[in-house]
């Protein structure tokens, strides 16, 4: 490690997986790192906190899937044991139980995607409908997470894609759209086909065990983020909460190295803008580099407040991106209700809304000895639910739960928590890809991270956020030439038959492009 790295100041904005990941690595490399979080707790959307009665709540339950190799490596390095065993899951509709999923890694391994088609125990979906998805395999092979593939599929809706490839209406309604509602948080006609293919492949289709999941045995904030923050502070990093960025200080770098704090000209290629720090109200935090690690909505608020960032088209174009409303509820019942499986996804109760419910008596240590059931129910694309008052929401949640498990209908709710999260998660809408930012920006020492940032790793959700945080830290290290880069575990390689199919497809695409005129829409 270079001796002078302790004098290099880095500001990280946003204390979720991306921000904590970048801060932790840079602090351990000797950088002077300050992490600024707008909320009262580190953790962003996965931070947990206590109610006035001392009950633990959080902004929704977050699973940790089999391919989260970097997060699992981090947790091991921190010496934590926060997770449950691998759990089975179920899916419900207003008609009742639709499907139960096994623990796929315990089943006989089959070439992808056969295990995904054969092992789930569908109650009403015939095998013939499931096999109507086989033509869709071409799109999964063609979509290789490259920039060209994203641009090819991004302008198409997921629903159009599934229809084009002959997926049966029943399979789409009972399987694919529920996955979109709880994976991309929107119905198929509002989801980019590129995002749908990337999400489905990573979580479900790339390898048979990918759908296997563990859960935190308490809130992520308590079980992972708080000990992680302690390690950051032990390494010399600072974590400051209730710090909302109101301006970004940008200066121009003239040829020869002199800097100017006057208004810069982004169209002048001889002037290289650089960030000098950020402002939070009356507090100024000077920096040699800045990493943004906030969601789309948070970044849009920062751009709107910053007259300096608004001079850069790439940041103004972020206003073309959208975000989705989430509703997180937790209900305490007066008696124990037997829930067949601890994690459950639901569809068909509201036309454009998917939801999940979890038996916290099974998943969370805190509630194992609770005399009554503790249920977390989270709703995605919950636009029509957020205006309802708490009593209406709780009544609806109980009605929906009773449709899935009838015993909830006669139980009494003795306590409840309702958390509204407007514009909380990224909307991967058709046509959104060109407006998403890469990790590097036109400001030479300002870097981006988060689950909506364009990268080529191939991961999604919390794992992608953490990976992009490490990538941002590595960009800082590369720029200053001080410290060791963070190791990043790649996604598991494609199975051999998928690799062969993708190689052949790429060869055929290149050949077709060389002999056919470029007159068709991509």
Protein backbone atom coordinates (compact mmCIF):
# COMPACT_ATOMS: atom_id res chain seq x y z
CA UNK A 1 0.00 0.00 0.00
CA UNK A 2 1.33 3.43 -0.92
CA UNK A 3 2.22 5.61 2.02
CA UNK A 4 0.44 8.70 0.68
CA UNK A 5 -2.94 6.99 0.25
CA UNK A 6 -3.98 8.08 3.74
CA UNK A 7 -4.03 11.69 2.48
CA UNK A 8 -6.40 10.97 -0.43
CA UNK A 9 -9.94 11.88 0.56
CA UNK A 10 -12.85 9.93 -0.89
CA UNK A 11 -16.51 10.78 -0.31
CA UNK A 12 -19.03 7.98 -0.81
CA UNK A 13 -22.71 8.97 -1.00
CA UNK A 14 -25.24 6.32 0.01
CA UNK A 15 -24.84 3.63 2.67
CA UNK A 16 -26.37 0.60 0.94
CA UNK A 17 -24.54 -2.43 -0.41
CA UNK A 18 -22.66 -0.38 -3.01
CA UNK A 19 -21.60 2.45 -0.70
CA UNK A 20 -20.59 0.22 2.19
CA UNK A 21 -18.68 -2.05 -0.19
CA UNK A 22 -16.68 0.83 -1.69
CA UNK A 23 -16.07 2.46 1.70
CA UNK A 24 -14.91 -0.75 3.37
CA UNK A 25 -12.37 -1.61 0.71
CA UNK A 26 -10.96 1.91 0.33
CA UNK A 27 -10.68 2.37 4.09
CA UNK A 28 -8.70 -0.85 4.32
CA UNK A 29 -6.39 0.45 1.58
CA UNK A 30 -5.59 3.51 3.70
CA UNK A 31 -7.78 6.11 2.00
CA UNK A 32 -9.46 8.81 4.07
CA UNK A 33 -13.06 7.76 3.36
CA UNK A 34 -16.26 9.42 4.54
CA UNK A 35 -19.59 7.72 3.83
CA UNK A 36 -22.61 10.03 3.78
CA UNK A 37 -26.11 8.60 4.26
CA UNK A 38 -29.23 10.76 3.86
CA UNK A 39 -31.29 8.57 6.20
CA UNK A 40 -31.03 7.97 9.91
CA UNK A 41 -29.51 4.50 9.52
CA UNK A 42 -26.85 2.97 7.28
CA UNK A 43 -28.29 0.45 4.88
CA UNK A 44 -30.62 2.28 2.54
CA UNK A 45 -33.63 0.11 1.65
CA UNK A 46 -32.34 -2.87 3.62
CA UNK A 47 -31.73 -1.02 6.89
CA UNK A 48 -33.79 -2.25 9.83
CA UNK A 49 -34.96 -0.28 12.83
CA UNK A 50 -37.17 -0.56 15.92
CA UNK A 51 -40.74 0.61 16.44
CA UNK A 52 -41.73 2.64 19.50
CA UNK A 53 -42.68 -0.69 21.10
CA UNK A 54 -39.21 -2.10 20.43
CA UNK A 55 -40.27 -4.44 17.62
CA UNK A 56 -37.88 -4.96 14.71
CA UNK A 57 -39.09 -3.85 11.27
CA UNK A 58 -37.45 -3.17 7.92
CA UNK A 59 -38.25 -1.88 4.48
CA UNK A 60 -39.12 -5.28 3.08
CA UNK A 61 -37.49 -8.69 3.21
CA UNK A 62 -34.49 -9.34 0.96
CA UNK A 63 -33.37 -12.80 -0.09
CA UNK A 64 -29.82 -13.95 -0.79
CA UNK A 65 -29.73 -16.21 -3.80
CA UNK A 66 -27.31 -19.02 -4.62
CA UNK A 67 -25.26 -16.97 -7.15
CA UNK A 68 -24.56 -14.12 -4.63
CA UNK A 69 -20.93 -15.26 -4.51
CA UNK A 70 -19.41 -11.90 -3.58
CA UNK A 71 -21.86 -11.18 -0.76
CA UNK A 72 -21.39 -14.65 0.69
CA UNK A 73 -17.61 -14.14 0.51
CA UNK A 74 -17.94 -10.80 2.31
CA UNK A 75 -20.07 -12.28 5.09
CA UNK A 76 -17.53 -15.06 5.59
CA UNK A 77 -14.70 -12.52 5.69
CA UNK A 78 -16.57 -10.51 8.34
CA UNK A 79 -16.96 -13.68 10.40
CA UNK A 80 -20.77 -13.43 10.42
CA UNK A 81 -23.36 -16.22 10.33
CA UNK A 82 -26.55 -14.27 9.56
CA UNK A 83 -28.38 -16.64 7.23
CA UNK A 84 -30.97 -19.37 7.49
CA UNK A 85 -30.53 -22.70 5.77
CA UNK A 86 -31.62 -22.95 2.13
CA UNK A 87 -35.41 -22.65 2.06
CA UNK A 88 -38.17 -23.91 -0.18
CA UNK A 89 -40.78 -21.48 -1.49
CA UNK A 90 -44.35 -21.50 -2.76
CA UNK A 91 -46.48 -19.41 -5.06
CA UNK A 92 -50.16 -18.54 -4.59
CA UNK A 93 -52.95 -16.99 -6.65
CA UNK A 94 -56.56 -16.26 -5.65
CA UNK A 95 -57.24 -19.88 -6.65
CA UNK A 96 -54.87 -21.10 -3.92
CA UNK A 97 -51.50 -22.84 -4.07
CA UNK A 98 -50.00 -22.76 -7.58
CA UNK A 99 -46.51 -24.22 -7.22
CA UNK A 100 -43.96 -25.37 -4.68
CA UNK A 101 -40.26 -25.13 -5.51
CA UNK A 102 -37.70 -27.61 -4.19
CA UNK A 103 -34.18 -26.87 -3.04
CA UNK A 104 -32.72 -27.30 -6.51
CA UNK A 105 -29.18 -28.12 -5.41
CA UNK A 106 -30.57 -31.22 -3.66
CA UNK A 107 -32.09 -32.53 -6.89
CA UNK A 108 -30.30 -34.56 -9.56
CA UNK A 109 -28.36 -32.01 -11.67
CA UNK A 110 -29.78 -31.58 -15.17
CA UNK A 111 -28.47 -29.43 -18.03
CA UNK A 112 -29.86 -25.92 -17.86
CA UNK A 113 -32.77 -25.18 -18.08
CA UNK A 114 -34.30 -28.66 -17.73
CA UNK A 115 -34.22 -28.67 -13.92
CA UNK A 116 -36.11 -25.40 -13.81
CA UNK A 117 -38.84 -26.85 -16.06
CA UNK A 118 -39.17 -30.26 -14.41
CA UNK A 119 -38.58 -29.94 -10.66
CA UNK A 120 -41.11 -27.27 -9.53
CA UNK A 121 -44.34 -28.91 -8.33
CA UNK A 122 -47.03 -27.07 -10.26
CA UNK A 123 -50.60 -27.72 -9.13
CA UNK A 124 -52.40 -26.68 -12.30
CA UNK A 125 -49.84 -25.84 -15.00
CA UNK A 126 -49.42 -28.72 -17.47
CA UNK A 127 -45.98 -29.76 -18.67
CA UNK A 128 -47.05 -28.92 -22.22
CA UNK A 129 -47.46 -25.26 -21.22
CA UNK A 130 -44.06 -25.26 -19.54
CA UNK A 131 -42.39 -26.61 -22.67
CA UNK A 132 -43.97 -23.83 -24.74
CA UNK A 133 -41.12 -21.72 -23.35
CA UNK A 134 -38.44 -23.75 -25.15
CA UNK A 135 -38.27 -21.40 -28.18
CA UNK A 136 -37.51 -18.62 -25.70
CA UNK A 137 -34.14 -20.30 -25.16
CA UNK A 138 -32.89 -18.61 -28.32
CA UNK A 139 -33.45 -15.16 -26.78
CA UNK A 140 -31.67 -16.29 -23.60
CA UNK A 141 -28.72 -17.47 -25.68
CA UNK A 142 -28.74 -14.34 -27.84
CA UNK A 143 -28.86 -12.05 -24.80
CA UNK A 144 -25.28 -12.24 -23.49
CA UNK A 145 -25.37 -9.08 -21.31
CA UNK A 146 -23.26 -7.19 -23.86
CA UNK A 147 -24.03 -3.59 -24.77
CA UNK A 148 -25.23 -4.71 -28.20
CA UNK A 149 -27.63 -7.25 -26.64
CA UNK A 150 -29.05 -4.69 -24.24
CA UNK A 151 -29.69 -2.26 -27.08
CA UNK A 152 -31.25 -5.02 -29.18
CA UNK A 153 -33.79 -6.07 -26.55
CA UNK A 154 -34.24 -2.96 -24.39
CA UNK A 155 -36.88 -1.25 -26.52
CA UNK A 156 -39.10 -4.36 -26.54
CA UNK A 157 -41.45 -5.15 -23.66
CA UNK A 158 -41.10 -8.46 -21.86
CA UNK A 159 -44.69 -9.32 -22.74
CA UNK A 160 -44.00 -8.75 -26.44
CA UNK A 161 -40.91 -10.94 -26.23
CA UNK A 162 -42.72 -13.87 -24.60
CA UNK A 163 -45.56 -13.62 -27.11
CA UNK A 164 -43.15 -13.44 -30.04
CA UNK A 165 -41.45 -16.67 -28.97
CA UNK A 166 -44.69 -18.59 -28.52
CA UNK A 167 -44.95 -18.78 -24.74
CA UNK A 168 -48.45 -19.97 -23.91
CA UNK A 169 -50.84 -17.48 -22.35
CA UNK A 170 -51.24 -19.74 -19.34
CA UNK A 171 -47.48 -20.11 -18.77
CA UNK A 172 -47.01 -16.36 -19.07
CA UNK A 173 -49.89 -15.59 -16.69
CA UNK A 174 -49.06 -18.26 -14.09
CA UNK A 175 -45.25 -18.31 -14.19
CA UNK A 176 -43.40 -15.62 -16.11
CA UNK A 177 -45.42 -12.56 -15.15
CA UNK A 178 -45.36 -13.45 -11.42
CA UNK A 179 -41.55 -13.67 -11.70
CA UNK A 180 -41.48 -10.23 -13.29
CA UNK A 181 -43.79 -8.75 -10.66
CA UNK A 182 -41.55 -9.82 -7.77
CA UNK A 183 -38.21 -9.70 -9.66
CA UNK A 184 -38.47 -6.52 -11.74
CA UNK A 185 -41.41 -5.18 -9.70
CA UNK A 186 -43.68 -4.41 -12.66
CA UNK A 187 -45.99 -6.23 -15.09
CA UNK A 188 -44.53 -7.54 -18.32
CA UNK A 189 -45.88 -4.76 -20.54
CA UNK A 190 -43.94 -2.27 -18.39
CA UNK A 191 -40.64 -4.21 -18.26
CA UNK A 192 -37.76 -4.10 -20.73
CA UNK A 193 -37.23 -7.44 -22.45
CA UNK A 194 -33.48 -7.00 -21.89
CA UNK A 195 -33.93 -6.63 -18.13
CA UNK A 196 -36.35 -9.57 -18.06
CA UNK A 197 -33.87 -11.82 -19.85
CA UNK A 198 -30.99 -10.73 -17.62
CA UNK A 199 -32.97 -11.19 -14.41
CA UNK A 200 -34.52 -14.55 -15.36
CA UNK A 201 -31.20 -15.95 -16.54
CA UNK A 202 -29.24 -14.87 -13.46
CA UNK A 203 -31.75 -15.95 -10.81
CA UNK A 204 -33.38 -18.97 -12.43
CA UNK A 205 -32.07 -20.33 -15.71
CA UNK A 206 -28.27 -20.08 -15.84
CA UNK A 207 -27.66 -22.96 -13.43
CA UNK A 208 -30.05 -25.31 -11.67
CA UNK A 209 -29.35 -24.13 -8.07
CA UNK A 210 -29.61 -20.41 -8.89
CA UNK A 211 -33.18 -20.13 -7.58
CA UNK A 212 -32.16 -21.47 -4.15
CA UNK A 213 -32.29 -18.77 -1.48
CA UNK A 214 -31.40 -18.08 2.13
CA UNK A 215 -32.77 -15.31 4.32
CA UNK A 216 -31.31 -13.16 7.05
CA UNK A 217 -32.23 -14.46 10.52
CA UNK A 218 -33.12 -10.90 11.52
CA UNK A 219 -33.03 -7.52 9.83
CA UNK A 220 -30.13 -7.05 7.42
CA UNK A 221 -29.32 -3.81 9.22
CA UNK A 222 -28.79 -5.59 12.52
CA UNK A 223 -27.27 -8.83 11.28
CA UNK A 224 -24.90 -7.54 8.57
CA UNK A 225 -24.72 -3.77 8.18
CA UNK A 226 -24.10 -2.79 11.80
CA UNK A 227 -21.12 -5.12 12.31
CA UNK A 228 -19.92 -4.13 8.84
CA UNK A 229 -20.03 -0.43 9.78
CA UNK A 230 -18.04 -1.23 12.92
CA UNK A 231 -15.36 -2.84 10.77
CA UNK A 232 -15.34 0.21 8.48
CA UNK A 233 -14.81 2.50 11.45
CA UNK A 234 -12.06 0.24 12.81
CA UNK A 235 -10.34 0.57 9.43
CA UNK A 236 -10.46 4.37 9.73
CA UNK A 237 -13.56 5.15 7.66
CA UNK A 238 -16.30 7.52 8.82
CA UNK A 239 -20.02 6.84 8.44
CA UNK A 240 -22.23 9.92 8.86
CA UNK A 241 -26.02 9.69 8.77
CA UNK A 242 -28.64 12.41 8.15
CA UNK A 243 -26.38 13.96 5.51
CA UNK A 244 -28.32 14.78 2.34
CA UNK A 245 -26.22 16.03 -0.59
CA UNK A 246 -27.42 19.42 -1.85
CA UNK A 247 -24.58 20.30 -4.23
CA UNK A 248 -21.57 18.76 -5.92
CA UNK A 249 -18.49 20.94 -6.22
CA UNK A 250 -17.02 20.71 -9.72
CA UNK A 251 -13.96 22.46 -11.08
CA UNK A 252 -12.34 22.55 -14.51
CA UNK A 253 -8.81 21.30 -15.07
CA UNK A 254 -6.96 23.39 -17.65
CA UNK A 255 -4.07 22.04 -19.75
CA UNK A 256 -0.91 22.14 -17.66
CA UNK A 257 -2.71 21.23 -14.45
CA UNK A 258 -4.16 24.54 -13.25
CA UNK A 259 -7.70 24.37 -11.94
CA UNK A 260 -10.51 26.87 -12.07
CA UNK A 261 -13.56 27.01 -9.85
CA UNK A 262 -15.43 29.25 -12.28
CA UNK A 263 -18.12 27.90 -14.58
CA UNK A 264 -16.61 25.19 -16.79
CA UNK A 265 -17.36 24.42 -20.42
CA UNK A 266 -18.23 20.76 -20.96
CA UNK A 267 -18.12 21.20 -24.72
CA UNK A 268 -14.45 22.23 -24.59
CA UNK A 269 -12.43 19.01 -24.92
CA UNK A 270 -9.38 20.78 -23.47
CA UNK A 271 -11.16 21.33 -20.18
CA UNK A 272 -11.49 18.21 -18.00
CA UNK A 273 -14.00 18.66 -15.18
CA UNK A 274 -13.27 17.10 -11.82
CA UNK A 275 -15.17 16.93 -8.57
CA UNK A 276 -13.81 18.82 -5.57
CA UNK A 277 -16.31 17.64 -2.96
CA UNK A 278 -19.96 17.66 -1.96
CA UNK A 279 -22.16 19.95 0.10
CA UNK A 280 -24.73 18.78 2.64
CA UNK A 281 -26.64 21.85 3.74
CA UNK A 282 -24.09 23.97 5.55
CA UNK A 283 -21.44 21.23 5.65
CA UNK A 284 -18.79 21.00 2.94
CA UNK A 285 -16.88 17.75 2.41
CA UNK A 286 -13.83 18.21 0.22
CA UNK A 287 -12.66 15.20 -1.75
CA UNK A 288 -10.12 13.90 -4.25
CA UNK A 289 -12.78 11.50 -5.56
CA UNK A 290 -16.50 10.96 -5.09
CA UNK A 291 -18.52 7.76 -5.46
CA UNK A 292 -22.29 7.94 -5.77
CA UNK A 293 -24.01 4.81 -4.46
CA UNK A 294 -27.66 5.82 -4.37
CA UNK A 295 -30.76 4.64 -6.20
CA UNK A 296 -32.33 6.28 -9.23
CA UNK A 297 -34.71 8.45 -7.19
CA UNK A 298 -31.96 9.61 -4.85
CA UNK A 299 -29.68 10.46 -7.75
CA UNK A 300 -32.43 12.42 -9.46
CA UNK A 301 -32.93 14.48 -6.29
CA UNK A 302 -29.22 15.22 -6.13
CA UNK A 303 -29.12 16.30 -9.77
CA UNK A 304 -32.20 18.48 -9.30
CA UNK A 305 -30.54 20.23 -6.37
CA UNK A 306 -27.11 20.61 -7.98
CA UNK A 307 -26.64 23.46 -10.45
CA UNK A 308 -23.23 21.99 -11.27
CA UNK A 309 -24.38 18.46 -12.18
CA UNK A 310 -27.25 19.90 -14.22
CA UNK A 311 -24.66 21.24 -16.68
CA UNK A 312 -23.83 17.67 -17.74
CA UNK A 313 -26.29 16.05 -20.19
CA UNK A 314 -25.65 12.53 -18.87
CA UNK A 315 -26.98 13.55 -15.44
CA UNK A 316 -29.93 15.49 -16.81
CA UNK A 317 -30.91 12.42 -18.83
CA UNK A 318 -31.33 10.48 -15.61
CA UNK A 319 -34.72 12.19 -15.37
CA UNK A 320 -35.88 9.81 -18.11
CA UNK A 321 -35.57 6.91 -15.68
CA UNK A 322 -38.36 5.79 -13.39
CA UNK A 323 -38.83 4.03 -10.07
CA UNK A 324 -41.50 1.83 -8.54
CA UNK A 325 -43.55 2.12 -5.35
CA UNK A 326 -43.16 -0.56 -2.68
CA UNK A 327 -45.29 -1.23 0.40
CA UNK A 328 -43.81 -3.22 3.30
CA UNK A 329 -46.10 -4.48 6.05
CA UNK A 330 -45.56 -6.59 9.16
CA UNK A 331 -48.46 -8.12 11.06
CA UNK A 332 -48.49 -9.72 14.51
CA UNK A 333 -51.36 -12.19 15.11
CA UNK A 334 -52.87 -13.42 18.34
CA UNK A 335 -52.20 -17.07 17.53
CA UNK A 336 -49.77 -19.27 15.63
CA UNK A 337 -50.88 -20.02 12.08
CA UNK A 338 -49.31 -22.98 10.31
CA UNK A 339 -47.73 -21.64 7.09
CA UNK A 340 -46.59 -24.52 4.85
CA UNK A 341 -43.40 -22.81 3.59
CA UNK A 342 -41.58 -19.77 5.02
CA UNK A 343 -41.28 -17.73 1.79
CA UNK A 344 -44.12 -17.23 -0.67
CA UNK A 345 -44.83 -15.17 -3.80
CA UNK A 346 -48.34 -14.19 -4.88
CA UNK A 347 -49.96 -12.97 -8.09
CA UNK A 348 -53.40 -12.24 -9.48
CA UNK A 349 -54.75 -10.40 -6.43
CA UNK A 350 -54.25 -7.00 -8.09
CA UNK A 351 -53.73 -6.74 -11.83
CA UNK A 352 -50.40 -4.93 -11.82
CA UNK A 353 -49.10 -5.79 -8.35
CA UNK A 354 -47.10 -8.74 -7.10
CA UNK A 355 -46.50 -9.48 -3.44
CA UNK A 356 -44.63 -11.81 -1.15
CA UNK A 357 -45.22 -13.01 2.38
CA UNK A 358 -42.84 -14.58 4.89
CA UNK A 359 -43.27 -16.57 8.07
CA UNK A 360 -40.90 -14.69 10.38
CA UNK A 361 -41.45 -17.20 13.21
CA UNK A 362 -39.44 -19.58 11.02
CA UNK A 363 -36.98 -17.15 9.43
CA UNK A 364 -36.09 -14.66 12.21
CA UNK A 365 -34.50 -15.65 15.52
CA UNK A 366 -36.34 -12.85 17.31
CA UNK A 367 -39.79 -14.33 16.63
CA UNK A 368 -39.22 -18.07 17.00
CA UNK A 369 -40.74 -18.18 20.50
CA UNK A 370 -43.44 -15.57 19.80
CA UNK A 371 -46.87 -16.98 20.84
CA UNK A 372 -48.54 -15.65 17.69
CA UNK A 373 -47.59 -15.58 14.03
CA UNK A 374 -45.42 -12.73 12.71
CA UNK A 375 -45.87 -12.22 8.97
CA UNK A 376 -44.05 -9.86 6.62
CA UNK A 377 -46.03 -9.02 3.46
CA UNK A 378 -44.39 -6.82 0.83
CA UNK A 379 -46.15 -5.39 -2.26
CA UNK A 380 -44.36 -4.29 -5.44
CA UNK A 381 -45.71 -1.83 -8.00
CA UNK A 382 -48.00 -0.81 -5.14
CA UNK A 383 -49.18 2.48 -6.68
CA UNK A 384 -52.83 1.98 -5.77
CA UNK A 385 -52.05 0.86 -2.21
CA UNK A 386 -49.93 3.74 -0.96
CA UNK A 387 -52.83 6.25 -0.70
CA UNK A 388 -54.83 3.89 1.55
CA UNK A 389 -54.71 4.46 5.30
CA UNK A 390 -52.99 1.94 7.55
CA UNK A 391 -56.23 0.29 8.70
CA UNK A 392 -57.32 -0.32 5.10
CA UNK A 393 -53.92 -1.75 4.22
CA UNK A 394 -53.81 -4.09 7.20
CA UNK A 395 -57.34 -5.33 6.43
CA UNK A 396 -56.38 -6.00 2.81
CA UNK A 397 -53.21 -7.84 3.81
CA UNK A 398 -55.19 -10.08 6.17
CA UNK A 399 -57.79 -10.81 3.46
CA UNK A 400 -55.10 -11.72 0.95
CA UNK A 401 -53.27 -13.89 3.47
CA UNK A 402 -56.53 -15.70 4.27
CA UNK A 403 -56.98 -16.48 0.57
CA UNK A 404 -53.62 -18.26 0.63
CA UNK A 405 -53.85 -19.77 4.14
CA UNK A 406 -57.49 -19.73 5.33
CA UNK A 407 -56.60 -19.81 9.05
CA UNK A 408 -55.49 -16.17 8.84
CA UNK A 409 -59.14 -15.20 8.32
CA UNK A 410 -60.13 -16.04 11.90
CA UNK A 411 -57.00 -14.73 13.62
CA UNK A 412 -56.79 -11.26 15.15
CA UNK A 413 -54.12 -8.71 14.28
CA UNK A 414 -52.69 -7.47 17.59
CA UNK A 415 -50.02 -5.16 16.14
CA UNK A 416 -48.89 -4.01 12.73
CA UNK A 417 -46.36 -1.91 10.86
CA UNK A 418 -46.90 -0.23 7.49
CA UNK A 419 -43.93 1.26 5.63
CA UNK A 420 -44.62 3.17 2.40
CA UNK A 421 -41.70 3.38 0.01
CA UNK A 422 -42.61 5.63 -2.93
CA UNK A 423 -40.27 5.41 -5.94
CA UNK A 424 -38.09 2.97 -4.02
CA UNK A 425 -36.75 0.51 -6.61
CA UNK A 426 -35.49 0.89 -10.15
CA UNK A 427 -38.00 0.56 -12.98
CA UNK A 428 -36.30 -1.23 -15.86
CA UNK A 429 -38.79 0.17 -18.35
CA UNK A 430 -38.58 -0.42 -22.10
CA UNK A 431 -36.15 2.11 -23.58
CA UNK A 432 -34.49 2.96 -20.26
CA UNK A 433 -31.05 1.45 -20.94
CA UNK A 434 -29.56 4.44 -22.88
CA UNK A 435 -30.18 6.71 -19.88
CA UNK A 436 -28.53 4.51 -17.27
CA UNK A 437 -25.01 5.55 -16.31
CA UNK A 438 -21.86 3.43 -16.48
CA UNK A 439 -19.44 3.33 -13.57
CA UNK A 440 -17.30 6.12 -15.06
CA UNK A 441 -18.65 9.57 -15.87
CA UNK A 442 -17.42 12.56 -17.85
CA UNK A 443 -16.22 14.02 -14.54
CA UNK A 444 -12.85 12.34 -14.21
CA UNK A 445 -12.95 11.52 -10.49
CA UNK A 446 -16.69 10.98 -10.01
CA UNK A 447 -17.80 7.35 -10.13
CA UNK A 448 -21.18 5.62 -10.01
CA UNK A 449 -22.36 2.42 -8.35
CA UNK A 450 -25.66 0.74 -7.57
CA UNK A 451 -27.96 -1.96 -8.91
CA UNK A 452 -29.08 0.28 -11.81
CA UNK A 453 -25.59 1.09 -13.10
CA UNK A 454 -24.48 -0.42 -16.42
CA UNK A 455 -21.79 -3.04 -15.94
CA UNK A 456 -20.84 -6.35 -17.53
CA UNK A 457 -20.58 -8.56 -14.45
CA UNK A 458 -23.99 -10.14 -15.05
CA UNK A 459 -25.32 -10.07 -11.47
CA UNK A 460 -28.54 -8.46 -10.23
CA UNK A 461 -30.09 -6.76 -7.21
CA UNK A 462 -28.08 -6.72 -3.96
CA UNK A 463 -25.18 -8.68 -5.46
CA UNK A 464 -24.92 -6.26 -8.38
CA UNK A 465 -25.03 -3.26 -6.04
CA UNK A 466 -22.19 -4.69 -3.97
CA UNK A 467 -20.14 -5.60 -7.05
CA UNK A 468 -20.51 -2.11 -8.54
CA UNK A 469 -19.37 -0.67 -5.21
CA UNK A 470 -16.20 -2.73 -5.44
CA UNK A 471 -15.78 -1.70 -9.08
CA UNK A 472 -16.04 1.97 -8.07
CA UNK A 473 -13.41 1.46 -5.36
CA UNK A 474 -11.15 -0.17 -7.94
CA UNK A 475 -11.58 2.81 -10.27
CA UNK A 476 -10.42 5.13 -7.49
CA UNK A 477 -7.40 2.90 -6.87
CA UNK A 478 -6.60 2.75 -10.59
CA UNK A 479 -6.84 6.53 -10.93
CA UNK A 480 -4.47 7.29 -8.06
CA UNK A 481 -2.28 4.20 -8.42
CA UNK A 482 -2.40 3.53 -4.69
CA UNK A 483 -3.69 0.44 -2.93
CA UNK A 484 -4.68 -3.03 -4.05
CA UNK A 485 -7.86 -3.55 -6.08
CA UNK A 486 -10.72 -5.49 -4.54
CA UNK A 487 -11.06 -9.03 -5.88
CA UNK A 488 -14.43 -9.55 -7.59
CA UNK A 489 -15.73 -13.09 -8.07
CA UNK A 490 -17.23 -13.44 -11.57
CA UNK A 491 -20.57 -15.12 -12.12
CA UNK A 492 -20.34 -18.85 -12.61
CA UNK A 493 -19.47 -19.64 -16.26
CA UNK A 494 -22.24 -20.79 -18.56
CA UNK A 495 -22.64 -24.52 -18.95
CA UNK A 496 -20.79 -26.00 -21.92
CA UNK A 497 -23.83 -26.38 -24.18
CA UNK A 498 -24.82 -22.73 -23.55
CA UNK A 499 -21.28 -21.55 -24.32
CA UNK A 500 -21.28 -23.49 -27.61
CA UNK A 501 -24.73 -22.15 -28.53
CA UNK A 502 -23.70 -18.55 -27.78
CA UNK A 503 -20.48 -18.87 -29.76
CA UNK A 504 -22.35 -20.29 -32.74
CA UNK A 505 -25.03 -17.61 -32.49
CA UNK A 506 -22.42 -14.84 -32.43
CA UNK A 507 -20.69 -16.31 -35.49
CA UNK A 508 -23.97 -16.49 -37.39
CA UNK A 509 -24.86 -12.92 -36.39
CA UNK A 510 -21.52 -11.63 -37.62
CA UNK A 511 -21.87 -13.53 -40.89
CA UNK A 512 -25.41 -12.25 -41.46
CA UNK A 513 -24.29 -8.68 -40.74
CA UNK A 514 -21.56 -8.98 -43.37
CA UNK A 515 -23.90 -10.01 -46.20
CA UNK A 516 -27.27 -8.45 -45.34
CA UNK A 517 -28.09 -4.73 -45.60
CA UNK A 518 -28.65 -2.94 -42.31
CA UNK A 519 -32.25 -1.93 -42.95
CA UNK A 520 -34.18 -3.62 -40.15
CA UNK A 521 -34.87 -2.32 -36.71
CA UNK A 522 -32.57 -3.93 -34.13
